[in-house]
Protein backbone atom coordinates (compact mmCIF):
# COMPACT_ATOMS: atom_id res chain seq x y z
CA UNK A 1 96.64 64.49 86.73
CA UNK A 2 95.54 68.39 86.59
CA UNK A 3 97.07 71.26 85.08
CA UNK A 4 98.52 72.42 88.32
CA UNK A 5 100.14 69.42 89.33
CA UNK A 6 101.56 69.44 85.68
CA UNK A 7 103.59 73.09 86.23
CA UNK A 8 104.18 71.61 89.66
CA UNK A 9 106.63 68.93 87.92
CA UNK A 10 108.10 71.53 85.85
CA UNK A 11 109.67 73.26 87.91
CA UNK A 12 113.07 73.40 89.47
CA UNK A 13 113.34 70.90 92.58
CA UNK A 14 115.84 71.61 95.63
CA UNK A 15 117.37 67.95 96.13
CA UNK A 16 115.93 67.51 99.87
CA UNK A 17 112.99 69.15 102.16
CA UNK A 18 113.53 72.48 103.99
CA UNK A 19 117.04 71.65 105.83
CA UNK A 20 119.02 70.89 102.78
CA UNK A 21 119.53 72.68 99.98
CA UNK A 22 121.18 71.73 96.67
CA UNK A 23 121.03 74.13 93.47
CA UNK A 24 122.40 71.62 91.14
CA UNK A 25 120.03 70.05 88.68
CA UNK A 26 116.15 69.64 87.80
CA UNK A 27 114.09 67.12 89.64
CA UNK A 28 110.69 65.69 89.99
CA UNK A 29 109.04 66.31 92.77
CA UNK A 30 109.55 63.96 95.63
CA UNK A 31 107.31 62.93 98.78
CA UNK A 32 107.82 67.11 100.15
CA UNK A 33 104.40 67.29 101.42
CA UNK A 34 103.63 71.16 99.78
CA UNK A 35 101.71 72.64 102.91
CA UNK A 36 105.32 72.85 104.06
CA UNK A 37 105.81 76.18 104.30
CA UNK A 38 109.94 75.96 104.56
CA UNK A 39 109.66 74.18 101.28
CA UNK A 40 107.19 76.12 99.49
CA UNK A 41 109.30 79.58 99.82
CA UNK A 42 112.14 77.35 99.15
CA UNK A 43 110.70 76.41 95.69
CA UNK A 44 109.65 79.96 94.78
CA UNK A 45 112.92 81.22 95.41
CA UNK A 46 114.71 78.98 93.52
CA UNK A 47 112.10 79.15 90.70
CA UNK A 48 113.16 82.93 90.99
CA UNK A 49 117.10 82.18 90.45
CA UNK A 50 116.69 79.97 87.67
CA UNK A 51 113.69 81.88 86.21
CA UNK A 52 111.43 79.08 85.96
CA UNK A 53 107.93 79.12 86.38
CA UNK A 54 106.66 79.55 89.71
CA UNK A 55 103.21 80.30 89.46
CA UNK A 56 102.17 76.99 90.53
CA UNK A 57 104.36 77.20 93.99
CA UNK A 58 102.37 80.54 94.43
CA UNK A 59 98.79 79.32 94.11
CA UNK A 60 99.75 76.34 96.89
CA UNK A 61 100.86 79.13 99.96
CA UNK A 62 98.40 81.35 98.68
CA UNK A 63 95.28 78.68 99.34
CA UNK A 64 96.83 77.33 102.51
CA UNK A 65 95.51 78.48 105.80
CA UNK A 66 96.72 80.37 108.44
CA UNK A 67 96.52 77.43 110.60
CA UNK A 68 98.50 75.55 108.85
CA UNK A 69 100.72 78.42 108.53
CA UNK A 70 100.91 79.11 112.28
CA UNK A 71 101.77 75.23 112.73
CA UNK A 72 104.91 75.20 110.10
CA UNK A 73 106.26 78.08 111.60
CA UNK A 74 106.42 77.03 115.30
CA UNK A 75 109.04 79.41 116.46
CA UNK A 76 111.87 82.58 115.05
CA UNK A 77 114.24 80.16 113.44
CA UNK A 78 111.12 79.22 111.35
CA UNK A 79 109.45 82.48 110.76
CA UNK A 80 112.33 83.79 110.14
CA UNK A 81 113.90 81.56 107.82
CA UNK A 82 110.30 81.54 105.67
CA UNK A 83 109.43 85.11 105.40
CA UNK A 84 113.48 86.15 104.29
CA UNK A 85 112.39 83.36 101.73
CA UNK A 86 109.13 84.88 100.55
CA UNK A 87 110.58 88.72 100.46
CA UNK A 88 113.29 87.45 98.23
CA UNK A 89 111.47 85.35 96.11
CA UNK A 90 108.88 87.89 95.38
CA UNK A 91 111.00 90.82 94.97
CA UNK A 92 112.69 89.01 91.87
CA UNK A 93 109.22 87.54 90.19
CA UNK A 94 107.27 90.85 90.87
CA UNK A 95 111.07 92.81 90.06
CA UNK A 96 111.57 90.90 86.60
CA UNK A 97 107.54 90.19 85.33
CA UNK A 98 106.99 93.88 86.48
CA UNK A 99 110.46 96.50 86.09
CA UNK A 100 108.86 99.75 85.55
CA UNK A 101 107.35 99.34 89.16
CA UNK A 102 110.85 100.10 91.01
CA UNK A 103 110.45 103.44 89.17
CA UNK A 104 107.80 104.66 92.42
CA UNK A 105 109.90 102.17 94.96
CA UNK A 106 107.66 103.68 97.77
CA UNK A 107 104.33 101.93 96.08
CA UNK A 108 105.66 99.40 94.99
CA UNK A 109 107.14 98.16 98.36
CA UNK A 110 103.99 98.66 100.31
CA UNK A 111 101.36 97.54 97.02
CA UNK A 112 100.15 94.09 97.95
CA UNK A 113 100.81 91.86 95.53
CA UNK A 114 101.96 88.54 98.02
CA UNK A 115 99.35 86.13 98.90
CA UNK A 116 100.61 83.37 102.13
CA UNK A 117 97.92 81.85 103.89
CA UNK A 118 94.56 84.02 101.77
CA UNK A 119 96.30 87.33 103.50
CA UNK A 120 98.04 89.77 100.93
CA UNK A 121 100.53 91.28 102.33
CA UNK A 122 103.23 93.86 100.81
CA UNK A 123 107.27 93.80 101.36
CA UNK A 124 106.43 96.51 104.13
CA UNK A 125 104.45 94.20 105.75
CA UNK A 126 106.76 91.23 105.75
CA UNK A 127 109.66 93.41 106.31
CA UNK A 128 108.55 95.63 109.10
CA UNK A 129 105.84 93.88 110.22
CA UNK A 130 106.52 90.06 110.45
CA UNK A 131 110.45 89.81 110.46
CA UNK A 132 111.36 93.36 112.70
CA UNK A 133 107.71 92.80 115.08
CA UNK A 134 105.85 95.51 114.23
CA UNK A 135 108.72 98.70 113.72
CA UNK A 136 107.62 101.27 111.81
CA UNK A 137 109.21 101.52 108.21
CA UNK A 138 110.21 105.80 109.28
CA UNK A 139 111.09 105.16 112.39
CA UNK A 140 115.04 104.57 112.40
CA UNK A 141 113.79 101.17 114.66
CA UNK A 142 112.98 103.25 117.54
CA UNK A 143 109.43 103.15 117.19
CA UNK A 144 106.38 100.52 116.31
CA UNK A 145 103.50 100.66 113.98
CA UNK A 146 100.10 100.62 114.58
CA UNK A 147 97.14 99.18 114.13
CA UNK A 148 99.00 95.86 114.19
CA UNK A 149 96.73 92.98 112.43
CA UNK A 150 95.88 89.45 113.53
CA UNK A 151 97.44 88.18 110.95
CA UNK A 152 100.40 90.14 111.74
CA UNK A 153 100.53 89.01 115.11
CA UNK A 154 100.56 85.69 114.24
CA UNK A 155 102.66 85.21 112.27
CA UNK A 156 105.25 87.79 113.51
CA UNK A 157 108.51 87.02 115.20
CA UNK A 158 109.05 87.08 118.91
CA UNK A 159 112.46 88.80 118.74
CA UNK A 160 113.87 91.38 116.32
CA UNK A 161 116.78 90.31 115.17
CA UNK A 162 119.15 93.22 113.52
CA UNK A 163 120.96 90.63 110.88
CA UNK A 164 117.77 89.73 108.75
CA UNK A 165 119.04 93.62 107.36
CA UNK A 166 122.08 91.76 105.58
CA UNK A 167 119.81 89.03 104.57
CA UNK A 168 117.00 90.73 102.72
CA UNK A 169 117.91 91.71 99.14
CA UNK A 170 114.76 94.72 98.14
CA UNK A 171 116.49 94.63 94.19
CA UNK A 172 118.85 97.79 94.92
CA UNK A 173 122.36 97.27 93.87
CA UNK A 174 123.14 97.93 97.34
CA UNK A 175 121.51 95.28 98.75
CA UNK A 176 123.03 91.95 100.19
CA UNK A 177 123.10 88.87 98.28
CA UNK A 178 120.61 86.42 98.35
CA UNK A 179 120.43 83.13 100.14
CA UNK A 180 118.37 80.13 101.12
CA UNK A 181 117.02 80.33 104.11
CA UNK A 182 116.73 77.36 105.96
CA UNK A 183 115.44 77.24 110.22
CA UNK A 184 118.07 74.52 111.35
CA UNK A 185 120.88 77.00 109.46
CA UNK A 186 119.83 80.48 110.24
CA UNK A 187 121.58 81.71 112.85
CA UNK A 188 124.63 79.94 111.46
CA UNK A 189 123.49 81.73 107.58
CA UNK A 190 122.81 85.23 109.41
CA UNK A 191 126.26 85.29 111.07
CA UNK A 192 127.58 84.56 107.87
CA UNK A 193 125.37 86.86 105.45
CA UNK A 194 126.72 89.73 107.76
CA UNK A 195 130.13 88.42 108.00
CA UNK A 196 130.42 88.58 104.16
CA UNK A 197 128.04 92.24 103.88
CA UNK A 198 129.86 93.89 106.18
CA UNK A 199 133.67 92.64 105.54
CA UNK A 200 132.50 94.32 101.89
CA UNK A 201 130.48 97.25 102.40
CA UNK A 202 132.68 98.81 105.37
CA UNK A 203 135.70 101.00 105.62
CA UNK A 204 137.43 101.88 108.96
CA UNK A 205 140.59 104.59 108.73
CA UNK A 206 142.47 104.29 111.60
CA UNK A 207 144.22 107.86 111.38
CA UNK A 208 141.25 109.83 110.22
CA UNK A 209 139.22 107.59 113.52
CA UNK A 210 136.26 106.93 111.44
CA UNK A 211 134.80 104.08 109.92
CA UNK A 212 132.86 103.92 106.96
CA UNK A 213 129.39 101.53 107.14
CA UNK A 214 126.91 100.72 105.58
CA UNK A 215 123.59 103.14 105.79
CA UNK A 216 121.21 99.99 106.73
CA UNK A 217 122.56 101.12 109.96
CA UNK A 218 120.88 104.48 109.82
CA UNK A 219 117.64 103.93 109.14
CA UNK A 220 117.51 100.78 111.35
CA UNK A 221 119.28 102.97 114.08
CA UNK A 222 116.97 101.50 116.94
CA UNK A 223 116.79 97.57 115.46
CA UNK A 224 120.76 97.27 116.34
CA UNK A 225 120.89 99.45 119.51
CA UNK A 226 121.60 102.90 119.05
CA UNK A 227 125.45 103.61 118.41
CA UNK A 228 127.01 101.37 121.17
CA UNK A 229 125.08 98.51 119.50
CA UNK A 230 126.42 99.15 116.16
CA UNK A 231 130.11 99.27 117.17
CA UNK A 232 129.91 96.21 118.93
CA UNK A 233 128.32 94.89 116.48
CA UNK A 234 131.30 95.50 114.05
CA UNK A 235 133.88 94.62 116.43
CA UNK A 236 131.83 91.33 116.85
CA UNK A 237 132.32 90.46 113.18
CA UNK A 238 136.18 91.60 113.45
CA UNK A 239 135.20 95.55 111.31
CA UNK A 240 136.78 97.40 114.50
CA UNK A 241 139.16 96.61 116.75
CA UNK A 242 138.14 95.99 120.28
CA UNK A 243 139.29 99.30 121.67
CA UNK A 244 138.37 101.59 119.17
CA UNK A 245 135.96 104.69 119.16
CA UNK A 246 135.34 105.52 115.99
CA UNK A 247 133.41 108.60 114.74
CA UNK A 248 131.14 107.14 112.37
CA UNK A 249 129.85 107.91 109.00
CA UNK A 250 127.07 106.57 106.51
CA UNK A 251 128.43 105.39 102.42
CA UNK A 252 126.06 106.06 100.00
CA UNK A 253 123.05 103.55 99.16
CA UNK A 254 122.80 102.31 95.22
CA UNK A 255 119.69 102.24 94.15
CA UNK A 256 119.34 101.49 91.28
CA UNK A 257 118.21 97.84 90.32
CA UNK A 258 120.13 94.72 90.35
CA UNK A 259 118.52 91.34 90.36
CA UNK A 260 119.74 88.42 89.95
CA UNK A 261 122.18 89.44 93.64
CA UNK A 262 121.99 85.23 94.68
CA UNK A 263 124.92 83.75 96.38
């Protein structure tokens, strides 16, 4: 057994592969193949949570080829689960090792520090290119960015899902909590993430006929379908009565760094 294998056996281990996560103890490797990208993404996230070494998992993810990545992520359920885990894991791992990077957030999110299947990616690439299907980060969700490279075209989601905004944690205090995402439960998990975040961060004031909502809705307005789509989502998740039509107000976003917001 080489050094890389030794490192792997010392990392915290989830009990089952991909579709069932238990974070209760440390375990030796099971038969889960390291070419299982979902499993690797979960292991990286678990290492971040437990503040354990992650390098062996990151190296395995980097060394794998793009054909294997495409085969492992055949649909949007797998792609959303994988890229959400990757984004949240690397944000935690990078900022824990180099917290000073957060002082220049624009540069931090643009740095290509994530190595997947031979490709170097930034947090912006993962969020706006792969999870938002090549949407411009400054276009309020209405404009695509270009050019789009072959990696992004091959591994991005087919359809945008606005709920990912309540699952991505960029290291800020106002970010949603971090969860372990699984392809077979992704809709249920994203509904849960959306429900809990909106319940905590939304304030409907009936007397004033206004509703205060997270600024994420403003920054990605087009992802939610504009004002009509925003109000529909708020009604869907129980934050607004069915026939209410209030003025929308946006709460201040707290950008102070806060790690370890796991749930």
